Amino acid sequence: MKRKQFHITDKDDETLKYLASSKGWSEAEVVREAIREYASKERQKTNPLLKMADSAEKYDVDSARDLSVNHDDYLMGIFENGKG
Protein backbone atom coordinates (compact mmCIF):
# COMPACT_ATOMS: atom_id res chain seq x y z
CA MET A 1 0.00 0.00 0.00
CA LYS A 2 1.00 3.60 -0.55
CA ARG A 3 1.01 6.12 2.25
CA LYS A 4 -0.91 9.36 1.53
CA GLN A 5 -1.20 12.49 3.61
CA PHE A 6 -3.89 15.14 3.11
CA HIS A 7 -5.89 17.74 4.98
CA ILE A 8 -9.62 17.55 5.74
CA THR A 9 -11.98 19.91 7.53
CA ASP A 10 -13.00 19.40 11.13
CA LYS A 11 -16.49 18.45 9.96
CA ASP A 12 -15.12 15.88 7.52
CA ASP A 13 -12.91 14.51 10.30
CA GLU A 14 -15.96 14.09 12.54
CA THR A 15 -17.80 12.34 9.72
CA LEU A 16 -14.85 10.07 9.01
CA LYS A 17 -14.53 9.12 12.68
CA TYR A 18 -18.27 8.44 12.90
CA LEU A 19 -18.30 6.26 9.77
CA ALA A 20 -15.27 4.28 10.90
CA SER A 21 -16.72 3.76 14.36
CA SER A 22 -20.18 2.79 13.13
CA LYS A 23 -18.79 0.24 10.65
CA GLY A 24 -16.02 -1.05 12.87
CA TRP A 25 -13.48 -0.07 10.20
CA SER A 26 -10.30 1.95 10.33
CA GLU A 27 -10.51 5.52 9.05
CA ALA A 28 -8.16 4.50 6.23
CA GLU A 29 -10.56 1.75 5.13
CA VAL A 30 -13.45 4.22 5.04
CA VAL A 31 -11.38 6.51 2.81
CA ARG A 32 -10.37 3.60 0.53
CA GLU A 33 -13.99 2.47 0.23
CA ALA A 34 -15.14 6.03 -0.52
CA ILE A 35 -12.53 6.30 -3.28
CA ARG A 36 -13.63 2.98 -4.81
CA GLU A 37 -17.29 3.96 -4.72
CA TYR A 38 -16.60 7.38 -6.24
CA ALA A 39 -14.45 5.84 -8.99
CA SER A 40 -17.17 3.30 -9.76
CA LYS A 41 -19.79 6.04 -10.15
CA GLU A 42 -17.48 8.10 -12.36
CA ARG A 43 -16.83 5.12 -14.65
CA GLN A 44 -20.57 4.67 -15.13
CA LYS A 45 -20.97 8.19 -16.45
CA THR A 46 -20.90 8.52 -20.21
CA ASN A 47 -19.49 11.34 -22.22
CA PRO A 48 -22.55 13.16 -23.62
CA LEU A 49 -20.74 13.89 -26.88
CA LEU A 50 -19.98 10.21 -27.41
CA LYS A 51 -23.58 9.39 -26.57
CA MET A 52 -24.81 11.89 -29.17
CA ALA A 53 -22.37 10.53 -31.75
CA ASP A 54 -23.61 6.99 -31.10
CA SER A 55 -27.19 8.16 -31.53
CA ALA A 56 -26.36 10.08 -34.70
CA GLU A 57 -24.55 7.11 -36.17
CA LYS A 58 -27.75 5.02 -35.96
CA TYR A 59 -29.63 7.31 -38.32
CA ASP A 60 -28.86 7.68 -42.03
CA VAL A 61 -25.09 7.99 -41.73
CA ASP A 62 -23.34 6.86 -44.88
CA SER A 63 -19.80 6.71 -43.50
CA ALA A 64 -17.57 7.87 -40.68
CA ARG A 65 -16.45 10.74 -42.91
CA ASP A 66 -20.06 11.69 -43.56
CA LEU A 67 -20.69 11.73 -39.81
CA SER A 68 -17.61 13.87 -39.18
CA VAL A 69 -18.73 16.41 -41.81
CA ASN A 70 -22.48 16.44 -41.16
CA HIS A 71 -22.61 15.71 -37.42
CA ASP A 72 -24.47 18.92 -36.59
CA ASP A 73 -27.21 18.11 -39.10
CA TYR A 74 -27.63 14.59 -37.72
CA LEU A 75 -27.68 15.76 -34.13
CA MET A 76 -30.21 18.48 -34.89
CA GLY A 77 -32.39 15.96 -36.71
CA ILE A 78 -32.24 13.58 -33.77
CA PHE A 79 -33.04 16.40 -31.35
CA GLU A 80 -35.96 17.67 -33.44
CA ASN A 81 -37.41 14.19 -33.93
CA GLY A 82 -36.98 13.21 -30.30
CA LYS A 83 -34.84 10.22 -31.21
CA GLY A 84 -31.86 11.17 -29.03
PDB file of N, CA and C in Angstrom:
ATOM      1  N   MET A   1       0.839  -1.184   0.000  1.00  0.00           N
ATOM      2  CA  MET A   1       0.000   0.000   0.000  1.00  0.00           C
ATOM      3  C   MET A   1       0.880   1.241   0.000  1.00  0.00           C
ATOM      4  N   LYS A   2       0.334   2.301  -0.537  1.00  0.00           N
ATOM      5  CA  LYS A   2       1.001   3.600  -0.551  1.00  0.00           C
ATOM      6  C   LYS A   2       0.501   4.440   0.607  1.00  0.00           C
ATOM      7  N   ARG A   3       1.394   5.214   1.184  1.00  0.00           N
ATOM      8  CA  ARG A   3       1.007   6.125   2.251  1.00  0.00           C
ATOM      9  C   ARG A   3       0.668   7.474   1.626  1.00  0.00           C
ATOM     10  N   LYS A   4      -0.465   8.046   2.004  1.00  0.00           N
ATOM     11  CA  LYS A   4      -0.907   9.360   1.530  1.00  0.00           C
ATOM     12  C   LYS A   4      -1.170  10.253   2.726  1.00  0.00           C
ATOM     13  N   GLN A   5      -0.938  11.524   2.542  1.00  0.00           N
ATOM     14  CA  GLN A   5      -1.204  12.489   3.607  1.00  0.00           C
ATOM     15  C   GLN A   5      -1.972  13.651   2.991  1.00  0.00           C
ATOM     16  N   PHE A   6      -3.078  14.046   3.632  1.00  0.00           N
ATOM     17  CA  PHE A   6      -3.891  15.140   3.109  1.00  0.00           C
ATOM     18  C   PHE A   6      -4.613  15.822   4.257  1.00  0.00           C
ATOM     19  N   HIS A   7      -5.164  16.965   3.973  1.00  0.00           N
ATOM     20  CA  HIS A   7      -5.894  17.740   4.976  1.00  0.00           C
ATOM     21  C   HIS A   7      -7.394  17.597   4.741  1.00  0.00           C
ATOM     22  N   ILE A   8      -8.166  17.549   5.830  1.00  0.00           N
ATOM     23  CA  ILE A   8      -9.624  17.552   5.741  1.00  0.00           C
ATOM     24  C   ILE A   8     -10.152  18.541   6.786  1.00  0.00           C
ATOM     25  N   THR A   9     -11.369  18.962   6.588  1.00  0.00           N
ATOM     26  CA  THR A   9     -11.981  19.906   7.527  1.00  0.00           C
ATOM     27  C   THR A   9     -12.331  19.197   8.828  1.00  0.00           C
ATOM     28  N   ASP A  10     -12.582  19.984   9.849  1.00  0.00           N
ATOM     29  CA  ASP A  10     -13.001  19.401  11.132  1.00  0.00           C
ATOM     30  C   ASP A  10     -14.290  18.608  10.973  1.00  0.00           C
ATOM     31  N   LYS A  11     -15.212  19.134  10.187  1.00  0.00           N
ATOM     32  CA  LYS A  11     -16.494  18.452   9.961  1.00  0.00           C
ATOM     33  C   LYS A  11     -16.273  17.121   9.244  1.00  0.00           C
ATOM     34  N   ASP A  12     -15.414  17.125   8.215  1.00  0.00           N
ATOM     35  CA  ASP A  12     -15.117  15.875   7.515  1.00  0.00           C
ATOM     36  C   ASP A  12     -14.421  14.880   8.439  1.00  0.00           C
ATOM     37  N   ASP A  13     -13.580  15.381   9.343  1.00  0.00           N
ATOM     38  CA  ASP A  13     -12.906  14.510  10.299  1.00  0.00           C
ATOM     39  C   ASP A  13     -13.929  13.863  11.231  1.00  0.00           C
ATOM     40  N   GLU A  14     -14.893  14.643  11.684  1.00  0.00           N
ATOM     41  CA  GLU A  14     -15.956  14.090  12.540  1.00  0.00           C
ATOM     42  C   GLU A  14     -16.732  13.008  11.788  1.00  0.00           C
ATOM     43  N   THR A  15     -17.054  13.305  10.536  1.00  0.00           N
ATOM     44  CA  THR A  15     -17.802  12.343   9.719  1.00  0.00           C
ATOM     45  C   THR A  15     -16.989  11.075   9.514  1.00  0.00           C
ATOM     46  N   LEU A  16     -15.724  11.221   9.219  1.00  0.00           N
ATOM     47  CA  LEU A  16     -14.846  10.070   9.014  1.00  0.00           C
ATOM     48  C   LEU A  16     -14.772   9.215  10.271  1.00  0.00           C
ATOM     49  N   LYS A  17     -14.591   9.849  11.411  1.00  0.00           N
ATOM     50  CA  LYS A  17     -14.528   9.116  12.684  1.00  0.00           C
ATOM     51  C   LYS A  17     -15.845   8.387  12.958  1.00  0.00           C
ATOM     52  N   TYR A  18     -16.961   9.052  12.687  1.00  0.00           N
ATOM     53  CA  TYR A  18     -18.270   8.439  12.901  1.00  0.00           C
ATOM     54  C   TYR A  18     -18.454   7.212  11.995  1.00  0.00           C
ATOM     55  N   LEU A  19     -18.141   7.379  10.707  1.00  0.00           N
ATOM     56  CA  LEU A  19     -18.304   6.263   9.773  1.00  0.00           C
ATOM     57  C   LEU A  19     -17.427   5.079  10.162  1.00  0.00           C
ATOM     58  N   ALA A  20     -16.182   5.357  10.518  1.00  0.00           N
ATOM     59  CA  ALA A  20     -15.271   4.283  10.902  1.00  0.00           C
ATOM     60  C   ALA A  20     -15.787   3.568  12.150  1.00  0.00           C
ATOM     61  N   SER A  21     -16.221   4.340  13.114  1.00  0.00           N
ATOM     62  CA  SER A  21     -16.722   3.758  14.356  1.00  0.00           C
ATOM     63  C   SER A  21     -17.981   2.935  14.124  1.00  0.00           C
ATOM     64  N   SER A  22     -18.900   3.478  13.340  1.00  0.00           N
ATOM     65  CA  SER A  22     -20.178   2.788  13.127  1.00  0.00           C
ATOM     66  C   SER A  22     -20.020   1.513  12.308  1.00  0.00           C
ATOM     67  N   LYS A  23     -19.009   1.441  11.464  1.00  0.00           N
ATOM     68  CA  LYS A  23     -18.788   0.238  10.650  1.00  0.00           C
ATOM     69  C   LYS A  23     -17.768  -0.711  11.263  1.00  0.00           C
ATOM     70  N   GLY A  24     -17.059  -0.223  12.275  1.00  0.00           N
ATOM     71  CA  GLY A  24     -16.017  -1.053  12.865  1.00  0.00           C
ATOM     72  C   GLY A  24     -14.789  -1.131  11.965  1.00  0.00           C
ATOM     73  N   TRP A  25     -14.603  -0.115  11.125  1.00  0.00           N
ATOM     74  CA  TRP A  25     -13.477  -0.068  10.199  1.00  0.00           C
ATOM     75  C   TRP A  25     -12.461   0.956  10.685  1.00  0.00           C
ATOM     76  N   SER A  26     -11.275   0.896  10.101  1.00  0.00           N
ATOM     77  CA  SER A  26     -10.301   1.955  10.332  1.00  0.00           C
ATOM     78  C   SER A  26     -10.720   3.160   9.477  1.00  0.00           C
ATOM     79  N   GLU A  27     -10.228   4.329   9.855  1.00  0.00           N
ATOM     80  CA  GLU A  27     -10.512   5.517   9.046  1.00  0.00           C
ATOM     81  C   GLU A  27      -9.941   5.352   7.640  1.00  0.00           C
ATOM     82  N   ALA A  28      -8.782   4.724   7.543  1.00  0.00           N
ATOM     83  CA  ALA A  28      -8.162   4.501   6.231  1.00  0.00           C
ATOM     84  C   ALA A  28      -9.050   3.635   5.338  1.00  0.00           C
ATOM     85  N   GLU A  29      -9.683   2.617   5.928  1.00  0.00           N
ATOM     86  CA  GLU A  29     -10.557   1.752   5.127  1.00  0.00           C
ATOM     87  C   GLU A  29     -11.791   2.513   4.646  1.00  0.00           C
ATOM     88  N   VAL A  30     -12.311   3.397   5.465  1.00  0.00           N
ATOM     89  CA  VAL A  30     -13.449   4.223   5.041  1.00  0.00           C
ATOM     90  C   VAL A  30     -13.038   5.081   3.844  1.00  0.00           C
ATOM     91  N   VAL A  31     -11.863   5.675   3.919  1.00  0.00           N
ATOM     92  CA  VAL A  31     -11.379   6.506   2.814  1.00  0.00           C
ATOM     93  C   VAL A  31     -11.187   5.655   1.562  1.00  0.00           C
ATOM     94  N   ARG A  32     -10.564   4.476   1.697  1.00  0.00           N
ATOM     95  CA  ARG A  32     -10.369   3.604   0.529  1.00  0.00           C
ATOM     96  C   ARG A  32     -11.703   3.207  -0.096  1.00  0.00           C
ATOM     97  N   GLU A  33     -12.668   2.852   0.742  1.00  0.00           N
ATOM     98  CA  GLU A  33     -13.989   2.469   0.225  1.00  0.00           C
ATOM     99  C   GLU A  33     -14.666   3.641  -0.476  1.00  0.00           C
ATOM    100  N   ALA A  34     -14.540   4.837   0.097  1.00  0.00           N
ATOM    101  CA  ALA A  34     -15.136   6.029  -0.520  1.00  0.00           C
ATOM    102  C   ALA A  34     -14.518   6.291  -1.890  1.00  0.00           C
ATOM    103  N   ILE A  35     -13.206   6.115  -1.993  1.00  0.00           N
ATOM    104  CA  ILE A  35     -12.531   6.304  -3.284  1.00  0.00           C
ATOM    105  C   ILE A  35     -13.029   5.287  -4.296  1.00  0.00           C
ATOM    106  N   ARG A  36     -13.139   4.032  -3.896  1.00  0.00           N
ATOM    107  CA  ARG A  36     -13.627   2.979  -4.808  1.00  0.00           C
ATOM    108  C   ARG A  36     -15.052   3.271  -5.289  1.00  0.00           C
ATOM    109  N   GLU A  37     -15.904   3.680  -4.362  1.00  0.00           N
ATOM    110  CA  GLU A  37     -17.294   3.960  -4.724  1.00  0.00           C
ATOM    111  C   GLU A  37     -17.373   5.155  -5.672  1.00  0.00           C
ATOM    112  N   TYR A  38     -16.619   6.197  -5.382  1.00  0.00           N
ATOM    113  CA  TYR A  38     -16.602   7.382  -6.243  1.00  0.00           C
ATOM    114  C   TYR A  38     -16.089   7.021  -7.638  1.00  0.00           C
ATOM    115  N   ALA A  39     -15.009   6.249  -7.697  1.00  0.00           N
ATOM    116  CA  ALA A  39     -14.446   5.844  -8.988  1.00  0.00           C
ATOM    117  C   ALA A  39     -15.448   5.009  -9.780  1.00  0.00           C
ATOM    118  N   SER A  40     -16.161   4.124  -9.093  1.00  0.00           N
ATOM    119  CA  SER A  40     -17.166   3.303  -9.763  1.00  0.00           C
ATOM    120  C   SER A  40     -18.271   4.156 -10.376  1.00  0.00           C
ATOM    121  N   LYS A  41     -18.748   5.144  -9.639  1.00  0.00           N
ATOM    122  CA  LYS A  41     -19.794   6.035 -10.148  1.00  0.00           C
ATOM    123  C   LYS A  41     -19.288   6.852 -11.324  1.00  0.00           C
ATOM    124  N   GLU A  42     -18.053   7.304 -11.267  1.00  0.00           N
ATOM    125  CA  GLU A  42     -17.479   8.095 -12.357  1.00  0.00           C
ATOM    126  C   GLU A  42     -17.340   7.268 -13.632  1.00  0.00           C
ATOM    127  N   ARG A  43     -16.967   5.994 -13.479  1.00  0.00           N
ATOM    128  CA  ARG A  43     -16.827   5.124 -14.655  1.00  0.00           C
ATOM    129  C   ARG A  43     -18.165   4.871 -15.329  1.00  0.00           C
ATOM    130  N   GLN A  44     -19.242   4.930 -14.568  1.00  0.00           N
ATOM    131  CA  GLN A  44     -20.567   4.674 -15.128  1.00  0.00           C
ATOM    132  C   GLN A  44     -21.095   5.849 -15.933  1.00  0.00           C
ATOM    133  N   LYS A  45     -20.529   7.019 -15.704  1.00  0.00           N
ATOM    134  CA  LYS A  45     -20.974   8.195 -16.450  1.00  0.00           C
ATOM    135  C   LYS A  45     -20.483   8.085 -17.880  1.00  0.00           C
ATOM    136  N   THR A  46     -21.313   8.530 -18.809  1.00  0.00           N
ATOM    137  CA  THR A  46     -20.902   8.515 -20.207  1.00  0.00           C
ATOM    138  C   THR A  46     -20.666   9.935 -20.688  1.00  0.00           C
ATOM    139  N   ASN A  47     -19.768  10.052 -21.606  1.00  0.00           N
ATOM    140  CA  ASN A  47     -19.493  11.337 -22.218  1.00  0.00           C
ATOM    141  C   ASN A  47     -20.689  11.704 -23.092  1.00  0.00           C
ATOM    142  N   PRO A  48     -21.359  12.828 -22.842  1.00  0.00           N
ATOM    143  CA  PRO A  48     -22.548  13.164 -23.619  1.00  0.00           C
ATOM    144  C   PRO A  48     -22.270  13.328 -25.104  1.00  0.00           C
ATOM    145  N   LEU A  49     -21.069  13.761 -25.460  1.00  0.00           N
ATOM    146  CA  LEU A  49     -20.744  13.893 -26.884  1.00  0.00           C
ATOM    147  C   LEU A  49     -20.637  12.526 -27.548  1.00  0.00           C
ATOM    148  N   LEU A  50     -20.053  11.561 -26.848  1.00  0.00           N
ATOM    149  CA  LEU A  50     -19.983  10.214 -27.406  1.00  0.00           C
ATOM    150  C   LEU A  50     -21.372   9.605 -27.517  1.00  0.00           C
ATOM    151  N   LYS A  51     -22.211   9.888 -26.533  1.00  0.00           N
ATOM    152  CA  LYS A  51     -23.585   9.387 -26.573  1.00  0.00           C
ATOM    153  C   LYS A  51     -24.330   9.969 -27.773  1.00  0.00           C
ATOM    154  N   MET A  52     -24.161  11.272 -28.013  1.00  0.00           N
ATOM    155  CA  MET A  52     -24.810  11.894 -29.170  1.00  0.00           C
ATOM    156  C   MET A  52     -24.270  11.328 -30.474  1.00  0.00           C
ATOM    157  N   ALA A  53     -22.962  11.090 -30.532  1.00  0.00           N
ATOM    158  CA  ALA A  53     -22.374  10.531 -31.748  1.00  0.00           C
ATOM    159  C   ALA A  53     -22.903   9.123 -32.003  1.00  0.00           C
ATOM    160  N   ASP A  54     -23.034   8.324 -30.945  1.00  0.00           N
ATOM    161  CA  ASP A  54     -23.607   6.987 -31.102  1.00  0.00           C
ATOM    162  C   ASP A  54     -25.037   7.073 -31.623  1.00  0.00           C
ATOM    163  N   SER A  55     -25.813   7.991 -31.077  1.00  0.00           N
ATOM    164  CA  SER A  55     -27.187   8.165 -31.533  1.00  0.00           C
ATOM    165  C   SER A  55     -27.229   8.612 -32.983  1.00  0.00           C
ATOM    166  N   ALA A  56     -26.378   9.554 -33.330  1.00  0.00           N
ATOM    167  CA  ALA A  56     -26.359  10.079 -34.702  1.00  0.00           C
ATOM    168  C   ALA A  56     -25.958   8.992 -35.680  1.00  0.00           C
ATOM    169  N   GLU A  57     -25.034   8.144 -35.277  1.00  0.00           N
ATOM    170  CA  GLU A  57     -24.553   7.106 -36.169  1.00  0.00           C
ATOM    171  C   GLU A  57     -25.638   6.087 -36.527  1.00  0.00           C
ATOM    172  N   LYS A  58     -26.671   5.977 -35.710  1.00  0.00           N
ATOM    173  CA  LYS A  58     -27.746   5.023 -35.961  1.00  0.00           C
ATOM    174  C   LYS A  58     -28.704   5.481 -37.056  1.00  0.00           C
ATOM    175  N   TYR A  59     -28.644   6.763 -37.405  1.00  0.00           N
ATOM    176  CA  TYR A  59     -29.629   7.311 -38.317  1.00  0.00           C
ATOM    177  C   TYR A  59     -28.989   7.866 -39.582  1.00  0.00           C
ATOM    178  N   ASP A  60     -29.189   7.174 -40.696  1.00  0.00           N
ATOM    179  CA  ASP A  60     -28.864   7.684 -42.025  1.00  0.00           C
ATOM    180  C   ASP A  60     -27.435   8.190 -42.199  1.00  0.00           C
ATOM    181  N   VAL A  61     -26.488   7.581 -41.568  1.00  0.00           N
ATOM    182  CA  VAL A  61     -25.093   7.986 -41.731  1.00  0.00           C
ATOM    183  C   VAL A  61     -24.459   7.060 -42.753  1.00  0.00           C
ATOM    184  N   ASP A  62     -23.913   7.654 -43.809  1.00  0.00           N
ATOM    185  CA  ASP A  62     -23.338   6.862 -44.885  1.00  0.00           C
ATOM    186  C   ASP A  62     -21.935   6.354 -44.569  1.00  0.00           C
ATOM    187  N   SER A  63     -21.169   7.112 -43.819  1.00  0.00           N
ATOM    188  CA  SER A  63     -19.803   6.709 -43.497  1.00  0.00           C
ATOM    189  C   SER A  63     -19.307   7.519 -42.305  1.00  0.00           C
ATOM    190  N   ALA A  64     -18.159   7.103 -41.786  1.00  0.00           N
ATOM    191  CA  ALA A  64     -17.568   7.866 -40.683  1.00  0.00           C
ATOM    192  C   ALA A  64     -17.225   9.278 -41.151  1.00  0.00           C
ATOM    193  N   ARG A  65     -16.764   9.412 -42.385  1.00  0.00           N
ATOM    194  CA  ARG A  65     -16.448  10.742 -42.914  1.00  0.00           C
ATOM    195  C   ARG A  65     -17.709  11.586 -43.006  1.00  0.00           C
ATOM    196  N   ASP A  66     -18.784  10.972 -43.468  1.00  0.00           N
ATOM    197  CA  ASP A  66     -20.057  11.690 -43.559  1.00  0.00           C
ATOM    198  C   ASP A  66     -20.476  12.187 -42.174  1.00  0.00           C
ATOM    199  N   LEU A  67     -20.326  11.335 -41.175  1.00  0.00           N
ATOM    200  CA  LEU A  67     -20.687  11.726 -39.814  1.00  0.00           C
ATOM    201  C   LEU A  67     -19.812  12.873 -39.336  1.00  0.00           C
ATOM    202  N   SER A  68     -18.510  12.816 -39.647  1.00  0.00           N
ATOM    203  CA  SER A  68     -17.614  13.872 -39.182  1.00  0.00           C
ATOM    204  C   SER A  68     -17.915  15.205 -39.854  1.00  0.00           C
ATOM    205  N   VAL A  69     -18.422  15.171 -41.080  1.00  0.00           N
ATOM    206  CA  VAL A  69     -18.728  16.408 -41.811  1.00  0.00           C
ATOM    207  C   VAL A  69     -20.116  16.932 -41.451  1.00  0.00           C
ATOM    208  N   ASN A  70     -21.078  16.036 -41.325  1.00  0.00           N
ATOM    209  CA  ASN A  70     -22.478  16.437 -41.158  1.00  0.00           C
ATOM    210  C   ASN A  70     -23.023  16.186 -39.755  1.00  0.00           C
ATOM    211  N   HIS A  71     -22.165  16.069 -38.765  1.00  0.00           N
ATOM    212  CA  HIS A  71     -22.614  15.708 -37.419  1.00  0.00           C
ATOM    213  C   HIS A  71     -23.652  16.676 -36.858  1.00  0.00           C
ATOM    214  N   ASP A  72     -23.492  17.962 -37.119  1.00  0.00           N
ATOM    215  CA  ASP A  72     -24.471  18.924 -36.587  1.00  0.00           C
ATOM    216  C   ASP A  72     -25.863  18.679 -37.166  1.00  0.00           C
ATOM    217  N   ASP A  73     -25.913  18.379 -38.465  1.00  0.00           N
ATOM    218  CA  ASP A  73     -27.211  18.108 -39.102  1.00  0.00           C
ATOM    219  C   ASP A  73     -27.875  16.877 -38.499  1.00  0.00           C
ATOM    220  N   TYR A  74     -27.082  15.809 -38.307  1.00  0.00           N
ATOM    221  CA  TYR A  74     -27.634  14.589 -37.720  1.00  0.00           C
ATOM    222  C   TYR A  74     -28.108  14.819 -36.290  1.00  0.00           C
ATOM    223  N   LEU A  75     -27.301  15.515 -35.513  1.00  0.00           N
ATOM    224  CA  LEU A  75     -27.679  15.757 -34.126  1.00  0.00           C
ATOM    225  C   LEU A  75     -28.924  16.622 -34.038  1.00  0.00           C
ATOM    226  N   MET A  76     -29.018  17.631 -34.888  1.00  0.00           N
ATOM    227  CA  MET A  76     -30.207  18.483 -34.886  1.00  0.00           C
ATOM    228  C   MET A  76     -31.437  17.675 -35.295  1.00  0.00           C
ATOM    229  N   GLY A  77     -31.288  16.813 -36.281  1.00  0.00           N
ATOM    230  CA  GLY A  77     -32.390  15.957 -36.710  1.00  0.00           C
ATOM    231  C   GLY A  77     -32.856  15.039 -35.599  1.00  0.00           C
ATOM    232  N   ILE A  78     -31.910  14.454 -34.893  1.00  0.00           N
ATOM    233  CA  ILE A  78     -32.238  13.581 -33.770  1.00  0.00           C
ATOM    234  C   ILE A  78     -32.958  14.374 -32.685  1.00  0.00           C
ATOM    235  N   PHE A  79     -32.440  15.551 -32.371  1.00  0.00           N
ATOM    236  CA  PHE A  79     -33.041  16.395 -31.350  1.00  0.00           C
ATOM    237  C   PHE A  79     -34.462  16.781 -31.737  1.00  0.00           C
ATOM    238  N   GLU A  80     -34.643  17.222 -32.983  1.00  0.00           N
ATOM    239  CA  GLU A  80     -35.959  17.671 -33.439  1.00  0.00           C
ATOM    240  C   GLU A  80     -36.978  16.536 -33.498  1.00  0.00           C
ATOM    241  N   ASN A  81     -36.507  15.339 -33.813  1.00  0.00           N
ATOM    242  CA  ASN A  81     -37.407  14.189 -33.927  1.00  0.00           C
ATOM    243  C   ASN A  81     -37.570  13.432 -32.617  1.00  0.00           C
ATOM    244  N   GLY A  82     -36.871  13.870 -31.603  1.00  0.00           N
ATOM    245  CA  GLY A  82     -36.984  13.207 -30.303  1.00  0.00           C
ATOM    246  C   GLY A  82     -36.400  11.829 -30.276  1.00  0.00           C
ATOM    247  N   LYS A  83     -35.447  11.547 -31.163  1.00  0.00           N
ATOM    248  CA  LYS A  83     -34.841  10.223 -31.213  1.00  0.00           C
ATOM    249  C   LYS A  83     -33.620  10.108 -30.325  1.00  0.00           C
ATOM    250  N   GLY A  84     -33.099  11.211 -29.807  1.00  0.00           N
ATOM    251  CA  GLY A  84     -31.856  11.171 -29.033  1.00  0.00           C
ATOM    252  C   GLY A  84     -32.087  11.168 -27.575  1.00  0.00           C
TER     253      GLY A  84
END
